[in-house]
Amino acid sequence: MLFNKKGDIDFFNLLIQSAENALKASQMFRSAMMGDKPPATYYAALKELEHKGDSITHAIMKGLNKVFITPLDREDIMELAAKVDDVMDGIEATIARFDYLNIDFTNQYMRDFSEVIVKSCEHMLEAFKLLSKKKYIQLQEHTVIINSLENDADALMREGIREIFTTPRDPYEDFKLKELYERLEETTDACEDVANILESVVLRYS
């Protein structure tokens, strides 16, 4: 567990670590969508990052049980930690679907989704860094972008599912794609949840 110069638990640093881990996972997922290898070959490495994320989240929750004074409301820290964990879970759950649904290819929708997730995680990390410095105005620039990226993901899911139903192929394959697109969109929803919590924090502390 990390401590600041005063010897207190550094919750901001732990949140930044969590966001850094999510960004690393998103970049690895992006590589899985862009590479020549079957995406499922990345499953073990992403599962390991997901475990690391769980450990950071556990450290945050454990720390909250040990201290009385926190840099933000206790509930805000808990919700931010939980939502970043949801982002990690979404990435891991998506790559798991490539494994157990036996999907050995990617398409443009998946590649575009992966780009949205990477960008969302980049802005999420920058927002946490600014939060730790109480730079609320600059922070909001990143939350606005995350919300815009989530709208892009909504459009991707709609277009992907529209294509499934307008040009139907093998029903089992179509089911797999729909399942995948919906899970990817849920992952971007989790990024937006982080942004929304940050927005509420800014309103109360700025």
Protein backbone atom coordinates (compact mmCIF):
# COMPACT_ATOMS: atom_id res chain seq x y z
CA MET A 1 0.00 0.00 0.00
CA LEU A 2 1.35 3.44 -0.85
CA PHE A 3 1.75 6.25 1.67
CA ASN A 4 2.24 9.97 1.17
CA LYS A 5 4.89 12.16 2.82
CA LYS A 6 2.77 12.53 5.94
CA GLY A 7 2.54 8.78 6.32
CA ASP A 8 -1.12 8.68 5.30
CA ILE A 9 -2.51 6.20 2.78
CA ASP A 10 -2.18 7.80 -0.65
CA PHE A 11 -5.58 7.06 -2.19
CA PHE A 12 -4.92 9.30 -5.18
CA ASN A 13 -1.79 7.36 -6.04
CA LEU A 14 -3.65 4.07 -5.72
CA LEU A 15 -6.38 5.33 -8.06
CA ILE A 16 -3.71 6.43 -10.54
CA GLN A 17 -2.12 2.97 -10.32
CA SER A 18 -5.49 1.41 -11.01
CA ALA A 19 -6.03 3.64 -14.05
CA GLU A 20 -2.51 2.91 -15.31
CA ASN A 21 -3.25 -0.80 -15.08
CA ALA A 22 -6.52 -0.34 -16.99
CA LEU A 23 -4.70 1.62 -19.70
CA LYS A 24 -2.09 -1.12 -20.03
CA ALA A 25 -4.88 -3.68 -20.37
CA SER A 26 -6.68 -1.58 -22.98
CA GLN A 27 -3.47 -1.26 -25.00
CA MET A 28 -2.94 -5.01 -24.84
CA PHE A 29 -6.54 -5.55 -25.92
CA ARG A 30 -5.95 -3.16 -28.81
CA SER A 31 -2.92 -5.26 -29.83
CA ALA A 32 -5.13 -8.36 -29.72
CA MET A 33 -7.61 -6.71 -32.07
CA MET A 34 -4.94 -5.45 -34.47
CA GLY A 35 -2.51 -8.38 -34.53
CA ASP A 36 -2.14 -11.51 -36.62
CA LYS A 37 -2.48 -13.92 -33.68
CA PRO A 38 -5.86 -15.24 -32.52
CA PRO A 39 -7.17 -12.78 -29.89
CA ALA A 40 -7.61 -15.53 -27.30
CA THR A 41 -3.82 -15.91 -27.07
CA TYR A 42 -3.85 -12.66 -25.06
CA TYR A 43 -6.26 -14.04 -22.49
CA ALA A 44 -3.70 -15.20 -19.89
CA ALA A 45 -1.80 -11.90 -19.91
CA LEU A 46 -5.00 -9.85 -19.63
CA LYS A 47 -6.25 -12.10 -16.85
CA GLU A 48 -3.04 -11.36 -14.97
CA LEU A 49 -3.62 -7.61 -15.34
CA GLU A 50 -7.19 -8.08 -14.15
CA HIS A 51 -5.85 -9.81 -11.01
CA LYS A 52 -3.45 -6.90 -10.48
CA GLY A 53 -6.37 -4.49 -10.78
CA ASP A 54 -8.30 -6.49 -8.17
CA SER A 55 -5.31 -6.22 -5.81
CA ILE A 56 -5.19 -2.43 -6.18
CA THR A 57 -8.95 -2.16 -5.62
CA HIS A 58 -8.62 -4.37 -2.54
CA ALA A 59 -5.82 -2.12 -1.22
CA ILE A 60 -8.06 0.92 -1.64
CA MET A 61 -11.00 -0.71 0.15
CA LYS A 62 -8.74 -2.00 2.91
CA GLY A 63 -7.24 1.46 3.32
CA LEU A 64 -10.65 3.06 3.61
CA ASN A 65 -11.41 0.75 6.52
CA LYS A 66 -8.27 1.90 8.32
CA VAL A 67 -8.52 5.67 8.17
CA PHE A 68 -11.00 8.32 9.33
CA ILE A 69 -9.89 11.24 7.15
CA THR A 70 -9.78 10.82 3.37
CA PRO A 71 -8.90 13.30 0.59
CA LEU A 72 -12.35 12.83 -0.96
CA ASP A 73 -15.62 11.53 0.40
CA ARG A 74 -15.20 7.87 1.25
CA GLU A 75 -18.04 6.92 -1.11
CA ASP A 76 -16.43 8.78 -4.02
CA ILE A 77 -13.17 6.88 -3.58
CA MET A 78 -15.05 3.59 -3.31
CA GLU A 79 -17.11 4.29 -6.43
CA LEU A 80 -14.12 5.43 -8.48
CA ALA A 81 -12.15 2.33 -7.51
CA ALA A 82 -15.11 0.06 -8.27
CA LYS A 83 -15.80 1.63 -11.67
CA VAL A 84 -12.17 1.43 -12.80
CA ASP A 85 -12.35 -2.21 -11.73
CA ASP A 86 -15.44 -2.56 -13.93
CA VAL A 87 -13.41 -1.27 -16.89
CA MET A 88 -10.76 -3.92 -16.21
CA ASP A 89 -13.42 -6.60 -15.80
CA GLY A 90 -14.99 -5.55 -19.11
CA ILE A 91 -11.74 -5.88 -21.01
CA GLU A 92 -11.02 -9.26 -19.44
CA ALA A 93 -14.58 -10.47 -20.02
CA THR A 94 -14.40 -9.47 -23.68
CA ILE A 95 -11.14 -11.31 -24.36
CA ALA A 96 -12.58 -14.30 -22.48
CA ARG A 97 -15.44 -14.38 -24.99
CA PHE A 98 -12.95 -14.78 -27.81
CA ASP A 99 -11.74 -17.84 -25.93
CA TYR A 100 -14.94 -19.62 -24.89
CA LEU A 101 -16.97 -18.57 -27.94
CA ASN A 102 -14.10 -19.72 -30.14
CA ILE A 103 -13.81 -16.47 -32.12
CA ASP A 104 -10.50 -16.51 -33.95
CA PHE A 105 -10.84 -13.31 -35.99
CA THR A 106 -11.41 -9.58 -35.56
CA ASN A 107 -13.28 -7.08 -37.69
CA GLN A 108 -13.37 -3.31 -38.08
CA TYR A 109 -16.02 -2.86 -35.38
CA MET A 110 -13.83 -4.65 -32.84
CA ARG A 111 -10.78 -2.66 -33.88
CA ASP A 112 -12.71 0.61 -33.62
CA PHE A 113 -14.06 -0.38 -30.19
CA SER A 114 -10.53 -1.12 -29.00
CA GLU A 115 -9.42 2.34 -30.10
CA VAL A 116 -12.27 3.96 -28.18
CA ILE A 117 -11.39 1.99 -25.04
CA VAL A 118 -7.70 2.93 -25.23
CA LYS A 119 -8.53 6.62 -25.66
CA SER A 120 -11.06 6.48 -22.81
CA CYS A 121 -8.48 4.90 -20.50
CA GLU A 122 -5.88 7.49 -21.50
CA HIS A 123 -8.21 10.33 -20.55
CA MET A 124 -9.30 8.54 -17.40
CA LEU A 125 -5.68 8.31 -16.25
CA GLU A 126 -5.02 11.97 -17.02
CA ALA A 127 -8.18 12.94 -15.12
CA PHE A 128 -6.99 11.05 -12.02
CA LYS A 129 -3.60 12.76 -12.19
CA LEU A 130 -5.31 16.15 -12.34
CA LEU A 131 -7.68 15.16 -9.52
CA SER A 132 -4.68 14.44 -7.29
CA LYS A 133 -3.45 18.00 -7.97
CA LYS A 134 -6.95 19.49 -7.52
CA LYS A 135 -6.87 20.88 -11.06
CA TYR A 136 -10.60 20.59 -11.53
CA ILE A 137 -11.07 22.77 -14.61
CA GLN A 138 -8.45 20.83 -16.60
CA LEU A 139 -9.92 17.58 -15.30
CA GLN A 140 -13.30 18.37 -16.82
CA GLU A 141 -11.79 18.57 -20.30
CA HIS A 142 -11.01 14.86 -20.03
CA THR A 143 -14.41 13.84 -18.67
CA VAL A 144 -16.11 15.61 -21.58
CA ILE A 145 -13.96 13.65 -24.05
CA ILE A 146 -14.72 10.35 -22.27
CA ASN A 147 -18.45 11.04 -22.58
CA SER A 148 -18.01 11.79 -26.28
CA LEU A 149 -16.08 8.57 -26.78
CA GLU A 150 -18.89 6.62 -25.12
CA ASN A 151 -21.28 8.10 -27.67
CA ASP A 152 -18.94 6.82 -30.40
CA ALA A 153 -19.11 3.37 -28.81
CA ASP A 154 -22.92 3.48 -28.76
CA ALA A 155 -22.89 4.24 -32.48
CA LEU A 156 -20.45 1.38 -33.12
CA MET A 157 -22.68 -1.08 -31.29
CA ARG A 158 -25.77 0.07 -33.18
CA GLU A 159 -24.01 -0.18 -36.54
CA GLY A 160 -22.51 -3.55 -35.71
CA ILE A 161 -25.82 -5.04 -34.62
CA ARG A 162 -27.63 -3.45 -37.57
CA GLU A 163 -25.20 -5.20 -39.90
CA ILE A 164 -25.85 -8.52 -38.17
CA PHE A 165 -29.58 -8.26 -38.83
CA THR A 166 -29.43 -6.69 -42.29
CA THR A 167 -26.88 -9.18 -43.63
CA PRO A 168 -27.52 -12.34 -41.60
CA ARG A 169 -25.09 -15.21 -41.87
CA ASP A 170 -24.65 -18.23 -39.67
CA PRO A 171 -26.93 -17.60 -36.64
CA TYR A 172 -24.35 -18.95 -34.18
CA GLU A 173 -21.68 -16.62 -35.54
CA ASP A 174 -24.11 -13.70 -35.48
CA PHE A 175 -24.93 -14.47 -31.84
CA LYS A 176 -21.23 -14.41 -30.98
CA LEU A 177 -20.73 -11.02 -32.62
CA LYS A 178 -23.76 -9.50 -30.90
CA GLU A 179 -22.53 -10.81 -27.57
CA LEU A 180 -19.12 -9.29 -28.18
CA TYR A 181 -20.34 -5.87 -29.33
CA GLU A 182 -22.63 -5.54 -26.33
CA ARG A 183 -19.84 -6.42 -23.89
CA LEU A 184 -17.51 -3.91 -25.53
CA GLU A 185 -20.14 -1.19 -25.24
CA GLU A 186 -20.65 -2.03 -21.55
CA THR A 187 -16.91 -1.54 -21.04
CA THR A 188 -17.10 1.97 -22.48
CA ASP A 189 -20.13 2.58 -20.25
CA ALA A 190 -17.88 1.84 -17.26
CA CYS A 191 -15.40 4.46 -18.51
CA GLU A 192 -18.26 6.94 -18.73
CA ASP A 193 -19.32 6.03 -15.18
CA VAL A 194 -15.84 7.02 -13.98
CA ALA A 195 -16.16 10.33 -15.83
CA ASN A 196 -19.60 10.99 -14.32
CA ILE A 197 -18.35 10.37 -10.77
CA LEU A 198 -15.42 12.70 -11.41
CA GLU A 199 -17.84 15.36 -12.65
CA SER A 200 -19.84 15.14 -9.43
CA VAL A 201 -16.64 15.36 -7.39
CA VAL A 202 -15.62 18.49 -9.29
CA LEU A 203 -18.99 20.12 -8.60
CA ARG A 204 -18.60 19.55 -4.88
CA TYR A 205 -14.94 20.39 -4.44
CA SER A 206 -14.21 23.16 -6.96
